Protein backbone atom coordinates (compact mmCIF):
# COMPACT_ATOMS: atom_id res chain seq x y z
CA MET A 1 6.73 23.24 80.88
CA ARG A 2 10.30 22.86 82.08
CA ARG A 3 9.25 23.09 85.69
CA ARG A 4 12.68 22.56 87.27
CA GLU A 5 14.38 25.25 85.18
CA PHE A 6 11.55 27.71 85.84
CA ILE A 7 11.64 27.11 89.60
CA THR A 8 15.44 27.40 89.61
CA LEU A 9 15.13 30.85 88.03
CA LEU A 10 12.42 31.78 90.52
CA GLY A 11 14.66 30.65 93.37
CA GLY A 12 17.44 32.82 92.00
CA ALA A 13 15.16 35.81 92.00
CA ALA A 14 14.23 35.00 95.60
CA ALA A 15 17.86 35.39 96.55
CA VAL A 16 17.77 39.09 95.67
CA TRP A 17 14.51 39.84 97.50
CA PRO A 18 16.17 41.10 100.71
CA LEU A 19 18.58 43.26 98.69
CA ALA A 20 16.16 44.78 96.22
CA ALA A 21 13.14 45.33 98.38
CA ARG A 22 13.81 44.86 102.07
CA ALA A 23 12.73 48.39 102.90
CA GLN A 24 9.37 48.18 101.11
CA GLN A 25 8.41 44.50 101.25
CA PRO A 26 6.39 42.84 103.99
CA ALA A 27 8.13 40.28 106.19
CA MET A 28 6.88 37.43 103.99
CA PRO A 29 7.96 37.66 100.32
CA VAL A 30 5.13 37.72 97.80
CA ILE A 31 5.16 36.08 94.37
CA GLY A 32 2.88 37.63 91.79
CA LEU A 33 1.68 34.99 89.33
CA LEU A 34 0.25 36.42 86.10
CA ASP A 35 -1.37 34.42 83.31
CA THR A 36 -3.69 34.90 80.33
CA GLY A 37 -5.89 31.97 81.33
CA GLY A 38 -7.78 31.11 84.49
CA VAL A 39 -7.33 28.87 87.48
CA ASP A 40 -9.22 26.00 85.84
CA SER A 41 -6.94 26.00 82.80
CA ASN A 42 -3.84 26.07 84.99
CA THR A 43 -4.56 23.24 87.42
CA GLY A 44 -1.99 21.10 85.63
CA PHE A 45 0.66 23.71 86.33
CA LEU A 46 -0.20 24.93 89.82
CA ARG A 47 0.48 21.65 91.60
CA PRO A 48 4.01 21.16 90.19
CA PHE A 49 4.63 24.89 90.61
CA ARG A 50 3.95 24.65 94.33
CA GLU A 51 5.92 21.42 94.55
CA GLY A 52 8.87 23.12 92.86
CA LEU A 53 8.68 25.99 95.30
CA GLY A 54 8.73 23.45 98.13
CA GLU A 55 11.87 21.87 96.68
CA ALA A 56 13.44 25.33 96.77
CA GLY A 57 12.38 25.74 100.42
CA TYR A 58 9.33 27.95 99.90
CA PHE A 59 5.86 26.95 101.07
CA GLU A 60 2.75 28.97 100.30
CA GLY A 61 1.24 30.47 103.43
CA ARG A 62 4.26 29.61 105.58
CA ASN A 63 7.24 31.57 104.26
CA VAL A 64 5.94 32.87 100.94
CA ALA A 65 2.63 34.28 99.71
CA ILE A 66 1.31 34.09 96.16
CA GLU A 67 -0.92 36.73 94.55
CA TYR A 68 -2.74 35.20 91.57
CA ARG A 69 -3.87 37.37 88.67
CA TRP A 70 -5.86 35.59 85.95
CA ALA A 71 -6.89 37.36 82.73
CA GLU A 72 -9.48 34.63 81.99
CA GLY A 73 -8.73 34.89 78.28
CA GLN A 74 -9.29 38.67 78.23
CA TYR A 75 -5.94 39.88 76.98
CA ASP A 76 -6.84 43.55 77.35
CA ARG A 77 -6.93 43.03 81.14
CA LEU A 78 -3.24 42.08 81.32
CA PRO A 79 -1.78 45.62 81.62
CA GLU A 80 -4.03 46.45 84.57
CA LEU A 81 -3.41 43.08 86.24
CA ALA A 82 0.34 43.58 85.89
CA ALA A 83 0.06 47.13 87.21
CA ASP A 84 -1.93 45.82 90.18
CA LEU A 85 0.91 43.44 91.08
CA VAL A 86 3.35 46.34 90.89
CA ARG A 87 1.15 48.40 93.22
CA ARG A 88 1.00 45.40 95.53
CA LYS A 89 4.82 45.60 95.66
CA VAL A 90 5.28 41.89 95.04
CA SER A 91 8.82 40.54 95.33
CA VAL A 92 8.87 38.84 91.94
CA ILE A 93 6.44 38.36 89.04
CA ALA A 94 6.21 34.84 87.60
CA ILE A 95 4.69 34.20 84.17
CA PRO A 96 4.92 30.42 83.55
CA SER A 97 4.00 30.33 79.86
CA SER A 98 2.49 33.44 78.29
CA THR A 99 4.03 35.87 75.84
CA PRO A 100 1.33 38.59 76.26
CA ALA A 101 1.51 38.41 80.06
CA SER A 102 5.31 38.60 79.97
CA VAL A 103 5.23 41.70 77.78
CA ALA A 104 2.58 43.29 80.03
CA ALA A 105 4.70 42.66 83.12
CA LYS A 106 7.81 44.08 81.45
CA ASN A 107 5.89 47.20 80.43
CA ALA A 108 4.59 47.58 83.99
CA THR A 109 7.91 47.57 85.83
CA ALA A 110 11.63 47.93 85.25
CA VAL A 111 12.46 47.17 88.89
CA ILE A 112 10.60 44.08 90.15
CA PRO A 113 12.27 40.83 88.98
CA ILE A 114 10.29 39.02 86.27
CA ILE A 115 10.60 35.30 85.52
CA PHE A 116 8.95 34.39 82.21
CA GLY A 117 8.29 31.42 79.99
CA VAL A 118 7.68 32.34 76.34
CA GLY A 119 7.58 30.57 73.00
CA ASP A 120 8.78 33.60 71.04
CA ASP A 121 12.19 35.28 70.81
CA PRO A 122 12.56 37.23 74.09
CA ILE A 123 14.99 39.64 72.42
CA ARG A 124 12.51 40.51 69.68
CA LEU A 125 9.82 40.92 72.33
CA GLY A 126 11.99 43.41 74.22
CA LEU A 127 12.09 41.27 77.37
CA VAL A 128 15.89 40.89 77.40
CA THR A 129 18.83 42.48 75.60
CA SER A 130 20.58 39.16 74.89
CA LEU A 131 20.23 35.48 75.73
CA ASP A 132 23.64 35.24 77.43
CA ARG A 133 23.26 38.45 79.42
CA PRO A 134 19.55 39.27 79.77
CA GLY A 135 20.15 42.57 81.55
CA GLY A 136 17.34 44.57 83.11
CA ASN A 137 14.88 42.93 85.48
CA ALA A 138 13.63 39.99 83.38
CA THR A 139 14.94 36.52 82.68
CA GLY A 140 13.34 33.20 81.89
CA ILE A 141 12.92 30.32 79.45
CA ASN A 142 12.37 30.40 75.70
CA PHE A 143 10.50 27.28 74.61
CA ILE A 144 11.37 28.06 70.94
CA THR A 145 7.89 27.07 69.74
CA ALA A 146 7.33 30.09 67.48
CA GLU A 147 10.32 29.14 65.32
CA LEU A 148 8.69 25.75 64.66
CA GLY A 149 5.86 27.28 62.61
CA ALA A 150 7.74 26.98 59.32
CA LYS A 151 8.76 23.38 60.08
CA ARG A 152 5.19 22.42 60.94
CA LEU A 153 4.06 23.83 57.63
CA GLU A 154 6.68 21.75 55.80
CA LEU A 155 5.55 18.61 57.62
CA LEU A 156 1.92 19.35 56.80
CA HIS A 157 2.86 19.77 53.14
CA GLU A 158 4.59 16.38 53.20
CA LEU A 159 1.50 14.78 54.75
CA VAL A 160 -0.88 16.40 52.24
CA PRO A 161 1.25 17.14 49.15
CA THR A 162 -1.78 17.90 46.96
CA ALA A 163 -2.89 20.80 49.17
CA SER A 164 -2.21 24.23 47.70
CA ARG A 165 -4.11 26.37 50.22
CA ILE A 166 -3.42 26.35 53.96
CA ALA A 167 -5.84 27.89 56.45
CA VAL A 168 -4.20 29.29 59.58
CA LEU A 169 -6.35 29.84 62.65
CA ALA A 170 -4.92 32.78 64.59
CA ASN A 171 -5.85 34.48 67.85
CA PRO A 172 -6.38 38.22 67.14
CA ALA A 173 -6.38 38.97 70.88
CA ASP A 174 -2.72 37.89 71.06
CA GLN A 175 -1.31 40.37 68.55
CA THR A 176 2.29 40.08 69.72
CA ARG A 177 2.52 36.37 69.11
CA THR A 178 0.13 36.18 66.17
CA THR A 179 1.88 38.83 64.08
CA SER A 180 5.30 37.17 64.31
CA ASN A 181 3.91 33.67 63.78
CA ILE A 182 1.88 34.64 60.71
CA ARG A 183 4.88 36.43 59.23
CA ASP A 184 7.07 33.33 59.64
CA VAL A 185 4.42 30.98 58.24
CA GLU A 186 3.75 33.23 55.24
CA ALA A 187 7.48 33.31 54.42
CA ALA A 188 7.67 29.51 54.66
CA ALA A 189 4.56 29.13 52.49
CA ARG A 190 6.00 31.30 49.73
CA ALA A 191 9.19 29.23 49.74
CA ILE A 192 7.27 26.03 48.93
CA GLY A 193 4.60 27.56 46.72
CA LEU A 194 1.60 27.45 49.07
CA GLN A 195 -1.14 30.00 49.68
CA ILE A 196 -1.98 31.06 53.24
CA HIS A 197 -5.47 32.11 54.36
CA VAL A 198 -5.73 33.50 57.90
CA PHE A 199 -8.92 33.04 59.92
CA ASN A 200 -9.36 34.67 63.33
CA ALA A 201 -10.63 32.83 66.40
CA SER A 202 -10.11 34.17 69.91
CA THR A 203 -12.67 32.05 71.81
CA GLN A 204 -13.52 28.38 71.88
CA ASN A 205 -16.85 29.07 70.15
CA GLU A 206 -15.15 31.04 67.37
CA LEU A 207 -12.54 28.30 67.02
CA TRP A 208 -15.26 25.67 66.70
CA ASP A 209 -17.19 27.79 64.17
CA GLN A 210 -14.10 28.17 61.99
CA ARG A 211 -13.35 24.47 62.25
CA CYS A 212 -16.87 23.41 61.36
CA GLY A 213 -17.11 25.97 58.59
CA ARG A 214 -13.95 24.75 56.86
CA THR A 215 -13.89 20.98 57.37
CA THR A 216 -16.56 20.30 54.73
CA SER A 217 -14.03 20.95 51.95
CA CYS A 218 -10.87 19.93 53.75
CA GLY A 219 -9.53 16.46 54.25
CA ARG A 220 -6.90 17.05 56.92
CA LEU A 221 -6.71 19.17 60.03
CA HIS A 222 -3.63 19.91 62.13
CA TRP A 223 -3.72 21.75 65.45
CA SER A 224 -0.78 23.26 67.30
CA GLY A 225 -1.28 25.10 70.57
CA SER A 226 -3.63 28.04 70.10
CA GLU A 227 -3.29 27.85 66.35
CA GLY A 228 -4.52 25.40 63.75
CA ARG A 229 -3.29 24.71 60.26
CA GLN A 230 -5.80 23.21 57.92
CA ALA A 231 -5.02 21.65 54.53
CA CYS A 232 -7.62 22.15 51.82
């Protein structure tokens, strides 16, 4: 997480709060924080997030309030959680690192400023119209992790050159990210003569079941974020 860049963007959005919403906002501005995970999985982010706000002059409970909305891994809850923040009339919606949550927020409002952190192309996702001039109400950081899928496959092939079949563990609950990632990996696999087999896992138990079920015939295992690539 590029904390400083994210907080800088959030501070920029704060500058427009009095202009965009003075008539409808409470005296204290409210940040709506939306994420696909839960509070336990975000403890590593929340502390530096609050510290970054402090560096920008904002302190929770003193001159800014934060409304937290956690999907707890239930992606289908994101549209309603985003809509709830809109009804709450928050000043800005912050999505530190979640493509599905960013898309849900963008679909929920075209007015409230949105600060996102995504690993996929924000133009392809419909979050912005261009990287130089985002337009609309959303801006943020692209971590460019989705584009690394093909490169990771090439590296895996170099590590296990005898492998001809690659198992890709994908999260079916995250259709936006999964569809684009699988498409890129399949194209890269065809280019180097490999076969791709996709296995779905949207929970830790399902992920473990897929891992245990495949490792008996596979000598190498490579994990990357919410996806795994397994050489057989």
